[in-house]
N, C-alpha and C. Protein backbone atom coordinates (compact mmCIF):
# COMPACT_ATOMS: atom_id res chain seq x y z
N UNK A 1 -15.42 33.84 2.37
CA UNK A 1 -14.30 33.22 3.07
C UNK A 1 -12.99 33.56 2.36
N UNK A 2 -11.97 33.96 3.13
CA UNK A 2 -10.71 34.35 2.54
C UNK A 2 -9.98 33.14 1.93
N UNK A 3 -9.18 33.45 0.90
CA UNK A 3 -8.43 32.39 0.20
C UNK A 3 -7.50 31.67 1.16
N UNK A 4 -6.82 32.41 2.07
CA UNK A 4 -5.90 31.80 3.02
C UNK A 4 -6.62 30.79 3.92
N UNK A 5 -7.84 31.13 4.34
CA UNK A 5 -8.63 30.22 5.18
C UNK A 5 -9.01 28.97 4.43
N UNK A 6 -9.41 29.14 3.17
CA UNK A 6 -9.79 27.99 2.33
C UNK A 6 -8.60 27.05 2.15
N UNK A 7 -7.42 27.63 1.87
CA UNK A 7 -6.22 26.81 1.68
C UNK A 7 -5.86 26.06 2.95
N UNK A 8 -6.04 26.71 4.10
CA UNK A 8 -5.75 26.06 5.38
C UNK A 8 -6.65 24.86 5.60
N UNK A 9 -7.94 25.00 5.25
CA UNK A 9 -8.90 23.91 5.39
C UNK A 9 -8.52 22.74 4.49
N UNK A 10 -8.11 23.06 3.26
CA UNK A 10 -7.71 22.02 2.31
C UNK A 10 -6.48 21.27 2.82
N UNK A 11 -5.51 22.01 3.35
CA UNK A 11 -4.28 21.38 3.87
C UNK A 11 -4.58 20.46 5.04
N UNK A 12 -5.48 20.90 5.92
CA UNK A 12 -5.87 20.08 7.06
C UNK A 12 -6.57 18.81 6.59
N UNK A 13 -7.46 18.95 5.60
CA UNK A 13 -8.19 17.79 5.07
C UNK A 13 -7.24 16.78 4.45
N UNK A 14 -6.23 17.27 3.71
CA UNK A 14 -5.24 16.37 3.11
C UNK A 14 -4.40 15.71 4.17
N UNK A 15 -4.05 16.44 5.22
CA UNK A 15 -3.22 15.89 6.30
C UNK A 15 -3.91 14.72 6.99
N UNK A 16 -5.23 14.78 7.09
CA UNK A 16 -5.97 13.72 7.76
C UNK A 16 -5.83 12.39 7.03
N UNK A 17 -5.52 12.44 5.73
CA UNK A 17 -5.37 11.22 4.95
C UNK A 17 -3.93 10.75 4.88
N UNK A 18 -3.04 11.46 5.58
CA UNK A 18 -1.63 11.09 5.53
C UNK A 18 -1.23 10.36 6.81
N UNK A 19 -0.86 9.07 6.72
CA UNK A 19 -0.41 8.35 7.90
C UNK A 19 0.83 9.02 8.48
N UNK A 20 1.15 8.68 9.73
CA UNK A 20 2.31 9.28 10.39
C UNK A 20 3.59 9.00 9.62
N UNK A 21 3.70 7.79 9.07
CA UNK A 21 4.91 7.43 8.33
C UNK A 21 4.59 6.31 7.34
N UNK A 22 5.12 6.44 6.14
CA UNK A 22 4.92 5.42 5.11
C UNK A 22 6.27 5.10 4.48
N UNK A 23 6.62 3.80 4.43
CA UNK A 23 7.87 3.37 3.83
C UNK A 23 7.58 2.37 2.72
N UNK A 24 8.06 2.65 1.53
CA UNK A 24 7.89 1.73 0.40
C UNK A 24 9.20 0.98 0.18
N UNK A 25 9.14 -0.35 0.16
CA UNK A 25 10.31 -1.19 -0.06
C UNK A 25 10.29 -1.67 -1.51
N UNK A 26 11.35 -1.33 -2.24
CA UNK A 26 11.39 -1.53 -3.69
C UNK A 26 12.47 -2.54 -4.07
N UNK A 27 12.12 -3.43 -4.99
CA UNK A 27 13.07 -4.44 -5.46
C UNK A 27 14.25 -3.78 -6.18
N UNK A 28 15.46 -4.26 -5.89
CA UNK A 28 16.65 -3.76 -6.56
C UNK A 28 16.83 -4.35 -7.95
N UNK A 29 15.94 -5.25 -8.35
CA UNK A 29 16.02 -5.86 -9.69
C UNK A 29 14.94 -5.31 -10.61
N UNK A 30 13.68 -5.40 -10.15
CA UNK A 30 12.57 -4.95 -11.00
C UNK A 30 12.23 -3.48 -10.77
N UNK A 31 12.73 -2.91 -9.67
CA UNK A 31 12.41 -1.53 -9.27
C UNK A 31 10.91 -1.32 -9.14
N UNK A 32 10.23 -2.33 -8.66
CA UNK A 32 8.80 -2.26 -8.38
C UNK A 32 8.59 -2.41 -6.88
N UNK A 33 7.48 -1.90 -6.38
CA UNK A 33 7.17 -2.00 -4.95
C UNK A 33 6.97 -3.46 -4.56
N UNK A 34 7.59 -3.87 -3.47
CA UNK A 34 7.39 -5.21 -2.93
C UNK A 34 6.38 -5.17 -1.78
N UNK A 35 6.54 -4.21 -0.90
CA UNK A 35 5.58 -4.01 0.18
C UNK A 35 5.73 -2.62 0.77
N UNK A 36 4.73 -2.21 1.55
CA UNK A 36 4.69 -0.87 2.12
C UNK A 36 4.36 -0.96 3.60
N UNK A 37 5.12 -0.27 4.44
CA UNK A 37 4.80 -0.13 5.86
C UNK A 37 4.01 1.16 6.06
N UNK A 38 2.82 1.02 6.68
CA UNK A 38 1.97 2.17 6.94
C UNK A 38 1.77 2.31 8.44
N UNK A 39 2.16 3.45 9.00
CA UNK A 39 2.00 3.69 10.42
C UNK A 39 0.63 4.30 10.69
N UNK A 40 -0.16 3.64 11.54
CA UNK A 40 -1.48 4.15 11.93
C UNK A 40 -1.59 3.98 13.44
N UNK A 41 -1.82 5.09 14.15
CA UNK A 41 -1.82 5.08 15.61
C UNK A 41 -0.47 4.54 16.09
N UNK A 42 -0.47 3.50 16.93
CA UNK A 42 0.79 2.93 17.40
C UNK A 42 1.11 1.62 16.68
N UNK A 43 0.46 1.41 15.52
CA UNK A 43 0.65 0.19 14.74
C UNK A 43 1.44 0.46 13.47
N UNK A 44 2.20 -0.53 13.04
CA UNK A 44 2.83 -0.50 11.72
C UNK A 44 2.23 -1.68 10.95
N UNK A 45 1.46 -1.36 9.91
CA UNK A 45 0.76 -2.38 9.13
C UNK A 45 1.43 -2.49 7.77
N UNK A 46 1.81 -3.71 7.40
CA UNK A 46 2.52 -3.94 6.14
C UNK A 46 1.58 -4.52 5.10
N UNK A 47 1.52 -3.87 3.94
CA UNK A 47 0.70 -4.30 2.82
C UNK A 47 1.61 -4.63 1.64
N UNK A 48 1.36 -5.77 0.97
CA UNK A 48 2.21 -6.11 -0.18
C UNK A 48 1.72 -5.42 -1.45
N UNK A 49 2.44 -5.62 -2.54
CA UNK A 49 2.11 -4.96 -3.81
C UNK A 49 0.76 -5.39 -4.36
N UNK A 50 0.26 -6.56 -3.92
CA UNK A 50 -1.03 -7.07 -4.38
C UNK A 50 -2.19 -6.52 -3.55
N UNK A 51 -1.90 -5.66 -2.58
CA UNK A 51 -2.96 -5.04 -1.79
C UNK A 51 -3.50 -5.91 -0.68
N UNK A 52 -2.63 -6.75 -0.07
CA UNK A 52 -3.03 -7.61 1.04
C UNK A 52 -2.16 -7.31 2.26
N UNK A 53 -2.79 -7.31 3.44
CA UNK A 53 -2.04 -7.13 4.68
C UNK A 53 -1.24 -8.41 4.94
N UNK A 54 0.06 -8.31 5.07
CA UNK A 54 0.89 -9.50 5.25
C UNK A 54 1.49 -9.57 6.66
N UNK A 55 1.47 -8.44 7.38
CA UNK A 55 1.95 -8.47 8.76
C UNK A 55 1.58 -7.15 9.44
N UNK A 56 1.73 -7.13 10.74
CA UNK A 56 1.53 -5.90 11.50
C UNK A 56 2.22 -6.08 12.84
N UNK A 57 2.59 -4.99 13.44
CA UNK A 57 3.21 -5.06 14.76
C UNK A 57 3.11 -3.70 15.44
N UNK A 58 3.24 -3.72 16.74
CA UNK A 58 3.26 -2.50 17.52
C UNK A 58 4.70 -2.05 17.73
N UNK A 59 4.88 -0.79 17.93
CA UNK A 59 6.21 -0.26 18.16
C UNK A 59 6.19 0.58 19.44
N UNK A 60 6.79 0.11 20.54
CA UNK A 60 7.53 -1.17 20.66
C UNK A 60 6.59 -2.36 20.81
N UNK A 61 7.10 -3.55 20.50
CA UNK A 61 6.31 -4.78 20.55
C UNK A 61 6.47 -5.45 21.91
N UNK A 62 5.36 -5.52 22.66
CA UNK A 62 5.37 -6.17 23.97
C UNK A 62 4.04 -6.88 24.19
N UNK A 63 4.04 -7.94 25.00
CA UNK A 63 2.79 -8.60 25.35
C UNK A 63 2.76 -10.08 25.01
N UNK A 64 1.72 -10.76 25.51
CA UNK A 64 1.52 -12.19 25.26
C UNK A 64 0.74 -12.40 23.97
N UNK A 65 1.15 -13.38 23.16
CA UNK A 65 0.47 -13.70 21.91
C UNK A 65 -0.55 -14.81 22.15
N UNK A 66 -1.78 -14.63 21.63
CA UNK A 66 -2.81 -15.66 21.74
C UNK A 66 -3.42 -15.90 20.36
N UNK A 67 -4.05 -17.11 20.18
CA UNK A 67 -4.56 -17.49 18.86
C UNK A 67 -5.97 -18.07 18.97
N UNK A 68 -6.75 -17.90 17.90
CA UNK A 68 -8.09 -18.51 17.83
C UNK A 68 -7.92 -20.01 17.61
N UNK A 69 -8.75 -20.84 18.31
CA UNK A 69 -8.57 -22.29 18.20
C UNK A 69 -9.89 -23.06 18.17
N UNK A 70 -10.95 -22.43 17.66
CA UNK A 70 -12.24 -23.12 17.54
C UNK A 70 -12.45 -23.55 16.08
N UNK A 71 -12.15 -24.81 15.77
CA UNK A 71 -12.25 -25.30 14.40
C UNK A 71 -13.69 -25.46 13.93
N UNK A 72 -14.62 -25.66 14.86
CA UNK A 72 -16.01 -25.94 14.50
C UNK A 72 -16.78 -24.68 14.12
N UNK A 73 -16.73 -23.65 14.96
CA UNK A 73 -17.54 -22.46 14.73
C UNK A 73 -16.76 -21.26 14.19
N UNK A 74 -15.46 -21.34 14.27
CA UNK A 74 -14.63 -20.20 13.86
C UNK A 74 -13.65 -20.57 12.76
N UNK A 75 -14.12 -21.26 11.74
CA UNK A 75 -13.21 -21.69 10.68
C UNK A 75 -12.49 -20.52 10.02
N UNK A 76 -13.20 -19.41 9.86
CA UNK A 76 -12.63 -18.26 9.15
C UNK A 76 -11.44 -17.64 9.87
N UNK A 77 -11.29 -17.95 11.17
CA UNK A 77 -10.17 -17.38 11.92
C UNK A 77 -9.39 -18.42 12.73
N UNK A 78 -9.72 -19.68 12.59
CA UNK A 78 -9.05 -20.73 13.35
C UNK A 78 -7.54 -20.73 13.10
N UNK A 79 -6.78 -20.71 14.17
CA UNK A 79 -5.32 -20.75 14.08
C UNK A 79 -4.68 -19.39 13.87
N UNK A 80 -5.50 -18.37 13.65
CA UNK A 80 -4.94 -17.04 13.39
C UNK A 80 -4.72 -16.29 14.71
N UNK A 81 -3.89 -15.28 14.63
CA UNK A 81 -3.55 -14.48 15.80
C UNK A 81 -4.80 -13.81 16.38
N UNK A 82 -4.97 -13.96 17.68
CA UNK A 82 -6.14 -13.42 18.38
C UNK A 82 -5.83 -12.12 19.11
N UNK A 83 -4.66 -12.05 19.69
CA UNK A 83 -4.30 -10.84 20.44
C UNK A 83 -2.80 -10.77 20.69
N UNK A 84 -2.33 -9.54 20.87
CA UNK A 84 -0.97 -9.28 21.33
C UNK A 84 -1.13 -8.37 22.53
N UNK A 85 -0.91 -8.90 23.71
CA UNK A 85 -1.15 -8.11 24.90
C UNK A 85 -2.61 -7.69 24.97
N UNK A 86 -2.89 -6.40 25.05
CA UNK A 86 -4.25 -5.88 25.10
C UNK A 86 -4.81 -5.54 23.72
N UNK A 87 -4.04 -5.78 22.69
CA UNK A 87 -4.49 -5.48 21.33
C UNK A 87 -5.17 -6.71 20.73
N UNK A 88 -6.47 -6.59 20.45
CA UNK A 88 -7.24 -7.70 19.91
C UNK A 88 -7.29 -7.62 18.39
N UNK A 89 -7.24 -8.79 17.74
CA UNK A 89 -7.31 -8.86 16.28
C UNK A 89 -8.58 -9.60 15.88
N UNK A 90 -9.37 -9.00 14.97
CA UNK A 90 -10.60 -9.60 14.48
C UNK A 90 -10.49 -9.84 12.98
N UNK A 91 -11.31 -10.79 12.48
CA UNK A 91 -11.29 -11.15 11.07
C UNK A 91 -12.70 -11.09 10.49
N UNK A 92 -12.79 -10.86 9.19
CA UNK A 92 -14.10 -10.76 8.53
C UNK A 92 -14.73 -12.14 8.37
N UNK A 93 -15.98 -12.27 8.80
CA UNK A 93 -16.77 -13.49 8.60
C UNK A 93 -17.83 -13.18 7.55
N UNK A 94 -18.28 -14.20 6.83
CA UNK A 94 -19.33 -14.03 5.81
C UNK A 94 -19.96 -15.38 5.54
N UNK A 95 -21.28 -15.40 5.21
CA UNK A 95 -21.95 -16.67 4.90
C UNK A 95 -21.31 -17.39 3.72
N UNK A 96 -20.79 -16.61 2.79
CA UNK A 96 -20.19 -17.16 1.58
C UNK A 96 -18.67 -17.04 1.66
N UNK A 97 -17.98 -18.17 1.58
CA UNK A 97 -16.53 -18.16 1.68
C UNK A 97 -15.87 -17.54 0.45
N UNK A 98 -16.65 -17.32 -0.61
CA UNK A 98 -16.12 -16.65 -1.80
C UNK A 98 -16.12 -15.13 -1.65
N UNK A 99 -16.66 -14.66 -0.53
CA UNK A 99 -16.66 -13.23 -0.25
C UNK A 99 -15.20 -12.75 -0.26
N UNK A 100 -14.88 -11.65 -0.99
CA UNK A 100 -13.49 -11.20 -1.13
C UNK A 100 -12.79 -10.84 0.17
N UNK A 101 -13.56 -10.62 1.25
CA UNK A 101 -12.91 -10.27 2.51
C UNK A 101 -12.96 -11.40 3.54
N UNK A 102 -13.53 -12.52 3.18
CA UNK A 102 -13.70 -13.65 4.10
C UNK A 102 -12.36 -14.08 4.70
N UNK A 103 -12.30 -14.11 6.04
CA UNK A 103 -11.10 -14.57 6.73
C UNK A 103 -9.96 -13.58 6.79
N UNK A 104 -10.13 -12.43 6.16
CA UNK A 104 -9.06 -11.43 6.17
C UNK A 104 -9.18 -10.55 7.42
N UNK A 105 -8.10 -9.89 7.75
CA UNK A 105 -8.08 -9.04 8.94
C UNK A 105 -9.15 -7.96 8.85
N UNK A 106 -9.93 -7.84 9.91
CA UNK A 106 -11.00 -6.85 10.00
C UNK A 106 -10.60 -5.67 10.89
N UNK A 107 -9.95 -6.01 11.99
CA UNK A 107 -9.63 -4.96 12.95
C UNK A 107 -8.39 -5.34 13.75
N UNK A 108 -7.50 -4.38 13.92
CA UNK A 108 -6.33 -4.55 14.76
C UNK A 108 -6.41 -3.46 15.82
N UNK A 109 -6.74 -3.84 17.04
CA UNK A 109 -6.98 -2.81 18.05
C UNK A 109 -8.13 -1.93 17.63
N UNK A 110 -7.90 -0.64 17.48
CA UNK A 110 -8.94 0.30 17.05
C UNK A 110 -8.90 0.60 15.56
N UNK A 111 -8.00 -0.05 14.83
CA UNK A 111 -7.83 0.22 13.40
C UNK A 111 -8.59 -0.81 12.57
N UNK A 112 -9.57 -0.33 11.80
CA UNK A 112 -10.38 -1.21 10.94
C UNK A 112 -9.78 -1.28 9.54
N UNK A 113 -9.77 -2.49 8.96
CA UNK A 113 -9.27 -2.70 7.60
C UNK A 113 -10.45 -3.07 6.70
N UNK A 114 -10.66 -2.30 5.64
CA UNK A 114 -11.75 -2.58 4.70
C UNK A 114 -11.18 -2.97 3.34
N UNK A 115 -12.01 -3.66 2.54
CA UNK A 115 -11.55 -4.19 1.26
C UNK A 115 -12.50 -3.78 0.13
N UNK A 116 -11.96 -3.72 -1.08
CA UNK A 116 -12.78 -3.39 -2.25
C UNK A 116 -13.72 -4.56 -2.54
N UNK A 117 -15.03 -4.25 -2.62
CA UNK A 117 -16.04 -5.28 -2.87
C UNK A 117 -16.89 -4.94 -4.08
N UNK A 118 -17.50 -3.76 -4.09
CA UNK A 118 -18.40 -3.36 -5.18
C UNK A 118 -17.58 -2.82 -6.34
N UNK A 119 -17.00 -3.73 -7.10
CA UNK A 119 -16.11 -3.34 -8.20
C UNK A 119 -16.57 -3.94 -9.51
N UNK A 120 -17.80 -3.63 -9.90
CA UNK A 120 -18.36 -4.17 -11.14
C UNK A 120 -17.56 -3.70 -12.35
N UNK A 121 -17.18 -2.43 -12.33
CA UNK A 121 -16.41 -1.87 -13.45
C UNK A 121 -14.93 -2.21 -13.31
N UNK A 122 -14.38 -2.04 -12.10
CA UNK A 122 -12.96 -2.26 -11.89
C UNK A 122 -12.74 -3.54 -11.07
N UNK A 123 -12.93 -4.67 -11.72
CA UNK A 123 -12.83 -5.96 -11.05
C UNK A 123 -11.42 -6.26 -10.55
N UNK A 124 -10.43 -5.59 -11.12
CA UNK A 124 -9.05 -5.85 -10.72
C UNK A 124 -8.76 -5.39 -9.29
N UNK A 125 -9.67 -4.61 -8.69
CA UNK A 125 -9.49 -4.15 -7.31
C UNK A 125 -10.12 -5.10 -6.30
N UNK A 126 -10.91 -6.04 -6.76
CA UNK A 126 -11.68 -6.91 -5.88
C UNK A 126 -10.81 -7.61 -4.84
N UNK A 127 -11.18 -7.44 -3.56
CA UNK A 127 -10.49 -8.12 -2.48
C UNK A 127 -9.24 -7.43 -1.98
N UNK A 128 -8.82 -6.36 -2.64
CA UNK A 128 -7.64 -5.63 -2.20
C UNK A 128 -8.01 -4.68 -1.06
N UNK A 129 -7.04 -4.32 -0.25
CA UNK A 129 -7.28 -3.38 0.85
C UNK A 129 -7.77 -2.05 0.29
N UNK A 130 -8.86 -1.55 0.85
CA UNK A 130 -9.45 -0.28 0.43
C UNK A 130 -9.19 0.84 1.44
N UNK A 131 -9.13 0.46 2.71
CA UNK A 131 -8.98 1.45 3.77
C UNK A 131 -8.29 0.82 4.97
N UNK A 132 -7.29 1.52 5.48
CA UNK A 132 -6.66 1.13 6.74
C UNK A 132 -6.89 2.28 7.71
N UNK A 133 -7.75 2.07 8.69
CA UNK A 133 -8.15 3.17 9.55
C UNK A 133 -8.87 4.21 8.72
N UNK A 134 -8.38 5.44 8.71
CA UNK A 134 -8.96 6.51 7.91
C UNK A 134 -8.17 6.78 6.63
N UNK A 135 -7.23 5.87 6.31
CA UNK A 135 -6.36 6.07 5.15
C UNK A 135 -6.89 5.27 3.95
N UNK A 136 -7.39 5.95 2.90
CA UNK A 136 -7.89 5.26 1.71
C UNK A 136 -6.74 4.78 0.83
N UNK A 137 -6.94 3.62 0.18
CA UNK A 137 -5.92 3.05 -0.71
C UNK A 137 -6.57 2.70 -2.03
N UNK A 138 -5.94 3.11 -3.13
CA UNK A 138 -6.51 2.86 -4.45
C UNK A 138 -5.46 2.21 -5.35
N UNK A 139 -5.94 1.67 -6.48
CA UNK A 139 -5.08 0.92 -7.41
C UNK A 139 -5.37 1.36 -8.84
N UNK A 140 -4.38 1.22 -9.69
CA UNK A 140 -4.56 1.58 -11.10
C UNK A 140 -5.48 0.57 -11.77
N UNK A 141 -6.46 1.10 -12.48
CA UNK A 141 -7.43 0.25 -13.18
C UNK A 141 -7.05 0.02 -14.62
N UNK A 142 -8.00 -0.50 -15.37
CA UNK A 142 -7.77 -0.83 -16.78
C UNK A 142 -7.60 0.43 -17.63
N UNK A 143 -6.60 0.43 -18.48
CA UNK A 143 -6.32 1.54 -19.38
C UNK A 143 -6.33 0.98 -20.80
N UNK A 144 -7.19 1.49 -21.63
CA UNK A 144 -7.34 0.94 -22.98
C UNK A 144 -6.09 1.11 -23.84
N UNK A 145 -5.25 2.09 -23.51
CA UNK A 145 -4.07 2.34 -24.34
C UNK A 145 -2.78 1.75 -23.76
N UNK A 146 -2.70 1.65 -22.41
CA UNK A 146 -1.46 1.17 -21.79
C UNK A 146 -1.76 0.63 -20.39
N UNK A 147 -1.63 -0.68 -20.21
CA UNK A 147 -1.91 -1.31 -18.92
C UNK A 147 -0.64 -1.62 -18.13
N UNK A 148 0.38 -0.82 -18.32
CA UNK A 148 1.65 -1.03 -17.61
C UNK A 148 1.49 -0.91 -16.10
N UNK A 149 0.45 -0.16 -15.66
CA UNK A 149 0.26 0.07 -14.23
C UNK A 149 -0.90 -0.75 -13.65
N UNK A 150 -1.52 -1.57 -14.46
CA UNK A 150 -2.72 -2.30 -14.04
C UNK A 150 -2.49 -3.07 -12.74
N UNK A 151 -3.43 -2.87 -11.78
CA UNK A 151 -3.46 -3.53 -10.46
C UNK A 151 -2.39 -3.02 -9.49
N UNK A 152 -1.51 -2.15 -9.93
CA UNK A 152 -0.49 -1.63 -9.04
C UNK A 152 -1.09 -0.57 -8.10
N UNK A 153 -0.42 -0.33 -6.98
CA UNK A 153 -0.87 0.68 -6.02
C UNK A 153 -0.84 2.05 -6.69
N UNK A 154 -1.96 2.77 -6.59
CA UNK A 154 -2.09 4.10 -7.19
C UNK A 154 -1.95 5.21 -6.15
N UNK A 155 -2.48 4.97 -4.95
CA UNK A 155 -2.39 5.99 -3.91
C UNK A 155 -2.56 5.39 -2.53
N UNK A 156 -1.91 6.00 -1.56
CA UNK A 156 -2.07 5.67 -0.14
C UNK A 156 -2.33 6.99 0.56
N UNK A 157 -3.58 7.23 0.95
CA UNK A 157 -3.93 8.55 1.46
C UNK A 157 -3.70 9.57 0.36
N UNK A 158 -2.95 10.62 0.66
CA UNK A 158 -2.66 11.63 -0.37
C UNK A 158 -1.30 11.39 -1.03
N UNK A 159 -0.73 10.22 -0.82
CA UNK A 159 0.53 9.86 -1.46
C UNK A 159 0.23 9.21 -2.81
N UNK A 160 0.49 9.93 -3.89
CA UNK A 160 0.25 9.41 -5.22
C UNK A 160 1.44 8.56 -5.67
N UNK A 161 1.13 7.43 -6.35
CA UNK A 161 2.16 6.49 -6.78
C UNK A 161 2.07 6.33 -8.29
N UNK A 162 3.22 6.38 -8.99
CA UNK A 162 3.19 6.24 -10.44
C UNK A 162 4.37 5.39 -10.93
N UNK A 163 4.22 4.88 -12.16
CA UNK A 163 5.17 3.95 -12.75
C UNK A 163 5.43 4.34 -14.20
N UNK A 164 6.55 3.89 -14.73
CA UNK A 164 6.90 4.20 -16.11
C UNK A 164 6.00 3.48 -17.09
N UNK A 165 5.52 4.21 -18.10
CA UNK A 165 4.65 3.64 -19.13
C UNK A 165 5.46 3.27 -20.37
N UNK A 166 4.78 2.68 -21.34
CA UNK A 166 5.44 2.30 -22.59
C UNK A 166 5.90 3.56 -23.32
N UNK A 167 7.12 3.51 -23.81
CA UNK A 167 7.68 4.65 -24.54
C UNK A 167 8.64 4.09 -25.58
N UNK A 168 8.28 4.25 -26.82
CA UNK A 168 9.10 3.70 -27.91
C UNK A 168 10.52 4.24 -27.89
N UNK A 169 10.65 5.51 -27.50
CA UNK A 169 11.97 6.15 -27.53
C UNK A 169 12.79 5.91 -26.27
N UNK A 170 12.13 5.48 -25.18
CA UNK A 170 12.85 5.29 -23.92
C UNK A 170 12.15 4.21 -23.08
N UNK A 171 12.78 3.04 -22.98
CA UNK A 171 12.23 1.92 -22.21
C UNK A 171 12.89 1.78 -20.83
N UNK A 172 13.69 2.76 -20.45
CA UNK A 172 14.46 2.65 -19.21
C UNK A 172 13.58 2.65 -17.96
N UNK A 173 12.37 3.25 -18.03
CA UNK A 173 11.52 3.36 -16.85
C UNK A 173 10.29 2.45 -16.92
N UNK A 174 10.19 1.64 -17.94
CA UNK A 174 8.99 0.84 -18.18
C UNK A 174 8.62 -0.05 -16.99
N UNK A 175 7.41 0.15 -16.45
CA UNK A 175 6.82 -0.60 -15.34
C UNK A 175 7.56 -0.41 -14.01
N UNK A 176 8.50 0.50 -13.97
CA UNK A 176 9.27 0.74 -12.74
C UNK A 176 8.66 1.90 -11.96
N UNK A 177 8.87 1.90 -10.65
CA UNK A 177 8.38 2.98 -9.81
C UNK A 177 9.12 4.27 -10.15
N UNK A 178 8.37 5.33 -10.44
CA UNK A 178 8.99 6.62 -10.75
C UNK A 178 8.56 7.72 -9.78
N UNK A 179 7.47 7.44 -9.02
CA UNK A 179 7.01 8.45 -8.06
C UNK A 179 6.31 7.77 -6.89
N UNK A 180 6.68 8.20 -5.69
CA UNK A 180 5.99 7.75 -4.49
C UNK A 180 5.79 8.98 -3.61
N UNK A 181 4.66 9.66 -3.80
CA UNK A 181 4.43 10.92 -3.11
C UNK A 181 5.47 11.94 -3.52
N UNK A 182 6.20 12.54 -2.57
CA UNK A 182 7.21 13.54 -2.91
C UNK A 182 8.51 12.94 -3.43
N UNK A 183 8.62 11.61 -3.39
CA UNK A 183 9.86 10.94 -3.78
C UNK A 183 9.85 10.66 -5.28
N UNK A 184 10.90 11.11 -5.96
CA UNK A 184 11.04 10.89 -7.40
C UNK A 184 12.20 9.91 -7.64
N UNK A 185 11.96 8.92 -8.51
CA UNK A 185 12.99 7.92 -8.81
C UNK A 185 13.30 8.00 -10.30
N UNK A 186 14.59 8.05 -10.65
CA UNK A 186 14.98 8.15 -12.05
C UNK A 186 15.95 7.02 -12.40
N UNK A 187 16.05 6.73 -13.72
CA UNK A 187 16.87 5.60 -14.21
C UNK A 187 17.75 6.07 -15.36
N UNK A 188 18.88 5.38 -15.52
CA UNK A 188 19.80 5.70 -16.62
C UNK A 188 19.13 5.34 -17.95
N UNK A 189 19.12 6.28 -18.88
CA UNK A 189 18.41 6.05 -20.15
C UNK A 189 19.28 6.16 -21.39
N UNK A 190 20.59 6.19 -21.19
CA UNK A 190 21.50 6.25 -22.34
C UNK A 190 21.92 4.83 -22.72
N UNK A 191 21.41 4.32 -23.83
CA UNK A 191 21.73 2.95 -24.25
C UNK A 191 22.81 2.90 -25.33
N UNK A 192 23.56 4.00 -25.44
CA UNK A 192 24.65 4.03 -26.43
C UNK A 192 25.99 4.21 -25.72
N UNK A 193 26.18 5.35 -25.06
CA UNK A 193 27.45 5.63 -24.38
C UNK A 193 27.54 4.87 -23.06
N UNK A 194 26.47 4.97 -22.27
CA UNK A 194 26.45 4.29 -20.96
C UNK A 194 25.47 3.12 -20.98
N UNK A 195 25.57 2.29 -21.99
CA UNK A 195 24.60 1.22 -22.15
C UNK A 195 24.63 0.18 -21.02
N UNK A 196 25.76 0.07 -20.31
CA UNK A 196 25.83 -0.87 -19.19
C UNK A 196 24.99 -0.42 -18.00
N UNK A 197 24.67 0.87 -17.97
CA UNK A 197 23.85 1.43 -16.90
C UNK A 197 22.37 1.50 -17.28
N UNK A 198 22.09 1.29 -18.55
CA UNK A 198 20.73 1.52 -19.05
C UNK A 198 19.67 0.77 -18.22
N UNK A 199 18.68 1.51 -17.77
CA UNK A 199 17.58 0.92 -17.02
C UNK A 199 17.85 0.74 -15.54
N UNK A 200 19.08 1.00 -15.11
CA UNK A 200 19.41 0.85 -13.70
C UNK A 200 19.10 2.14 -12.94
N UNK A 201 18.97 2.03 -11.64
CA UNK A 201 18.64 3.18 -10.80
C UNK A 201 19.69 4.27 -10.94
N UNK A 202 19.21 5.49 -11.16
CA UNK A 202 20.10 6.64 -11.30
C UNK A 202 20.02 7.55 -10.07
N UNK A 203 18.80 7.77 -9.57
CA UNK A 203 18.68 8.67 -8.43
C UNK A 203 17.36 8.48 -7.69
N UNK A 204 17.40 8.78 -6.39
CA UNK A 204 16.19 8.87 -5.56
C UNK A 204 16.24 10.23 -4.89
N UNK A 205 15.21 11.04 -5.10
CA UNK A 205 15.18 12.38 -4.54
C UNK A 205 13.85 12.61 -3.83
N UNK A 206 13.91 13.19 -2.63
CA UNK A 206 12.67 13.58 -1.95
C UNK A 206 12.32 12.76 -0.72
N UNK A 207 13.17 11.81 -0.35
CA UNK A 207 12.90 11.02 0.86
C UNK A 207 12.83 11.92 2.09
N UNK A 208 11.84 11.65 2.95
CA UNK A 208 11.70 12.37 4.21
C UNK A 208 11.44 11.34 5.30
N UNK A 209 11.34 11.79 6.54
CA UNK A 209 11.01 10.88 7.64
C UNK A 209 9.59 10.35 7.50
N UNK A 210 8.71 11.16 6.90
CA UNK A 210 7.31 10.77 6.77
C UNK A 210 7.07 9.84 5.58
N UNK A 211 7.73 10.08 4.47
CA UNK A 211 7.55 9.27 3.25
C UNK A 211 8.93 8.85 2.74
N UNK A 212 9.16 7.54 2.71
CA UNK A 212 10.50 7.04 2.36
C UNK A 212 10.42 5.87 1.39
N UNK A 213 11.33 5.86 0.41
CA UNK A 213 11.50 4.74 -0.50
C UNK A 213 12.81 4.05 -0.15
N UNK A 214 12.75 2.73 0.10
CA UNK A 214 13.92 1.96 0.50
C UNK A 214 14.20 0.88 -0.55
N UNK A 215 15.42 0.83 -1.04
CA UNK A 215 15.81 -0.15 -2.05
C UNK A 215 16.26 -1.44 -1.38
N UNK A 216 15.66 -2.56 -1.79
CA UNK A 216 16.01 -3.86 -1.20
C UNK A 216 17.22 -4.47 -1.91
């Protein structure tokens, strides 16, 4: 098989893991991710920094809203949104209410949401969103030398996410978002001449329509 053909297959495989559009909303104080909008099909699903779905909506949003109201047999979803127009919302049920996915969103229309469960080694991922549709989501695990990124979002599909680590010589980027896929974020690191700027946002480079970082 020719090299060009192999590269084409790899590019297609990576593209399948890239949602139509991803927007990361970043705090203007801590410079850490607050939440992320992920476009899947005709849905925009919002996940917070802790790896939980906090909202979703269709674009455009139209239809009648309905809710589950069976307190006796449907405790895990009682009072929760049941449908928006023709889009039905389902929730995970389990015999044990301590199940990490119990009562959480299972399906929005045709998009299934899965959660990390079998995490004997990486317990910090337990209960966090693992998959939205065909888009895998991962988180930074335990690091014996530096846990500055522990539990933070590590990747969304093929969008790699990184944060500043401990650095004795430069603390300007510590625990702050420095990479979100093709987007690079930099901070002022001169604590002598421009010390009033030290640690503050210096630049955002690489924003596109598909992958965007937005400062709150």
